[in-house]
Amino acid sequence: MPFVLIQEGVIEAIQAELVAEHGGRAGLRELSPIRMMHARALALNASTSTDLASLAACYGYTLAHDQLFHDANLSTGLIATELFLSLNGSRLGADDTTCFLGFMVVGNGELSAEAFASWIRGHITPQAMLTA
């Protein structure tokens, strides 16, 4: 079953909101890397062997490691990862410090994409259902 992907433009809006609130420069360094990230997510989503963590890592790793934006790459990567997981009924079960450190390691180039997917896999929990 294919996963729900993040629509194009949403990640750019997240980054713009982050820098508007916390300071920094909004916008992408280049357009092609984010297009490649979305294309990679589509291709992974078409494969029956792709799991939720691999797709979450596609977003988070690319944003944190490849520094697509002028500013707020780590926080944008974390929020995009959490958004993707939420869209698919899950969440990161790690505390804020653990998440921050996980994304810092990726941003510093100390963790491969596969290892990051494994890290995410170890922290995914089902999202609590809201009741009315």
Protein backbone atom coordinates (compact mmCIF):
# COMPACT_ATOMS: atom_id res chain seq x y z
CA MET A 1 0.00 0.00 0.00
CA PRO A 2 1.53 3.35 -0.97
CA PHE A 3 2.16 5.92 1.73
CA VAL A 4 0.81 9.48 1.81
CA LEU A 5 3.61 11.78 0.60
CA ILE A 6 4.24 15.42 1.42
CA GLN A 7 2.93 17.61 -1.38
CA GLU A 8 5.38 19.82 -3.26
CA GLY A 9 5.55 23.31 -1.79
CA VAL A 10 4.71 22.23 1.77
CA ILE A 11 8.32 21.82 2.88
CA GLU A 12 9.22 25.23 1.47
CA ALA A 13 6.30 26.71 3.43
CA ILE A 14 7.52 25.01 6.62
CA GLN A 15 10.99 26.49 6.17
CA ALA A 16 9.59 29.96 5.43
CA GLU A 17 7.47 29.81 8.59
CA LEU A 18 10.43 28.69 10.68
CA VAL A 19 12.68 31.53 9.55
CA ALA A 20 9.85 34.07 9.88
CA GLU A 21 9.42 32.99 13.49
CA HIS A 22 13.05 32.35 14.48
CA GLY A 23 15.10 34.40 12.03
CA GLY A 24 17.26 33.49 9.09
CA ARG A 25 17.02 33.54 5.34
CA ALA A 26 14.03 31.91 3.67
CA GLY A 27 14.27 29.94 0.47
CA LEU A 28 16.04 27.17 -1.34
CA ARG A 29 19.67 27.34 -2.40
CA GLU A 30 18.63 25.65 -5.67
CA LEU A 31 15.36 24.22 -6.95
CA SER A 32 16.62 20.97 -8.46
CA PRO A 33 17.63 19.16 -5.22
CA ILE A 34 14.16 19.45 -3.69
CA ARG A 35 12.63 18.29 -6.95
CA MET A 36 14.97 15.28 -6.87
CA MET A 37 13.95 14.57 -3.26
CA HIS A 38 10.26 14.55 -4.24
CA ALA A 39 11.02 12.33 -7.25
CA ARG A 40 13.00 9.95 -5.04
CA ALA A 41 10.08 9.81 -2.57
CA LEU A 42 7.69 9.00 -5.45
CA ALA A 43 9.99 6.24 -6.71
CA LEU A 44 10.43 4.76 -3.24
CA ASN A 45 6.68 4.90 -2.67
CA ALA A 46 6.11 2.90 -5.86
CA SER A 47 8.30 0.07 -4.57
CA THR A 48 6.64 -2.68 -2.56
CA SER A 49 9.81 -3.13 -0.50
CA THR A 50 9.87 0.44 0.86
CA ASP A 51 8.90 0.89 4.49
CA LEU A 52 7.72 3.97 6.36
CA ALA A 53 11.14 4.66 7.88
CA SER A 54 12.91 4.61 4.51
CA LEU A 55 10.53 7.21 3.13
CA ALA A 56 10.74 9.33 6.28
CA ALA A 57 14.53 9.19 5.97
CA CYS A 58 14.27 10.27 2.34
CA TYR A 59 12.80 13.55 3.53
CA GLY A 60 14.73 14.02 6.77
CA TYR A 61 18.14 12.97 5.51
CA THR A 62 17.96 15.05 2.34
CA LEU A 63 16.87 18.17 4.20
CA ALA A 64 19.30 17.84 7.12
CA HIS A 65 22.33 16.49 5.28
CA ASP A 66 22.14 18.16 1.88
CA GLN A 67 21.28 21.61 3.30
CA LEU A 68 18.71 22.49 0.64
CA PHE A 69 17.71 25.79 2.26
CA HIS A 70 19.71 28.87 3.19
CA ASP A 71 18.75 28.41 6.87
CA ALA A 72 16.78 26.12 9.22
CA ASN A 73 17.69 22.87 7.45
CA LEU A 74 17.76 20.65 10.56
CA SER A 75 14.50 21.93 12.00
CA THR A 76 12.84 21.79 8.57
CA GLY A 77 14.06 18.21 8.20
CA LEU A 78 12.71 17.23 11.60
CA ILE A 79 9.33 18.83 11.00
CA ALA A 80 9.05 17.31 7.52
CA THR A 81 9.91 13.87 8.94
CA GLU A 82 7.33 14.27 11.70
CA LEU A 83 4.74 15.52 9.20
CA PHE A 84 5.32 12.56 6.89
CA LEU A 85 5.04 10.11 9.76
CA SER A 86 1.88 11.83 11.03
CA LEU A 87 0.28 11.70 7.57
CA ASN A 88 0.81 7.96 7.76
CA GLY A 89 -0.47 7.34 11.30
CA SER A 90 2.86 7.32 13.13
CA ARG A 91 5.20 9.63 14.99
CA LEU A 92 8.74 9.82 16.31
CA GLY A 93 8.60 8.42 19.82
CA ALA A 94 11.90 10.02 20.84
CA ASP A 95 12.11 13.08 23.06
CA ASP A 96 13.12 16.46 21.65
CA THR A 97 16.78 16.12 22.70
CA THR A 98 17.12 12.70 21.07
CA CYS A 99 15.52 13.98 17.87
CA PHE A 100 17.74 17.06 17.83
CA LEU A 101 20.88 14.97 18.35
CA GLY A 102 19.80 12.48 15.68
CA PHE A 103 19.35 15.25 13.14
CA MET A 104 22.60 16.94 14.18
CA VAL A 105 24.51 13.73 13.47
CA VAL A 106 22.90 13.56 10.02
CA GLY A 107 23.58 17.24 9.36
CA ASN A 108 27.23 16.77 10.32
CA GLY A 109 27.59 13.89 7.86
CA GLU A 110 28.20 11.30 10.57
CA LEU A 111 25.31 9.01 9.61
CA SER A 112 24.42 7.44 6.27
CA ALA A 113 20.90 7.58 4.83
CA GLU A 114 20.46 3.86 5.54
CA ALA A 115 21.64 4.25 9.14
CA PHE A 116 19.31 7.22 9.55
CA ALA A 117 16.38 5.13 8.28
CA SER A 118 17.33 2.52 10.87
CA TRP A 119 17.43 5.23 13.57
CA ILE A 120 13.95 6.35 12.54
CA ARG A 121 12.75 2.74 12.48
CA GLY A 122 13.84 2.41 16.11
CA HIS A 123 11.87 5.50 17.14
CA ILE A 124 8.59 5.13 15.22
CA THR A 125 5.50 4.69 17.35
CA PRO A 126 1.82 4.65 16.39
CA GLN A 127 0.21 8.05 16.55
CA ALA A 128 -2.36 8.36 19.33
CA MET A 129 -5.86 8.61 17.93
CA LEU A 130 -7.81 11.70 18.93
CA THR A 131 -11.27 11.13 20.31
CA ALA A 132 -14.06 13.65 20.23
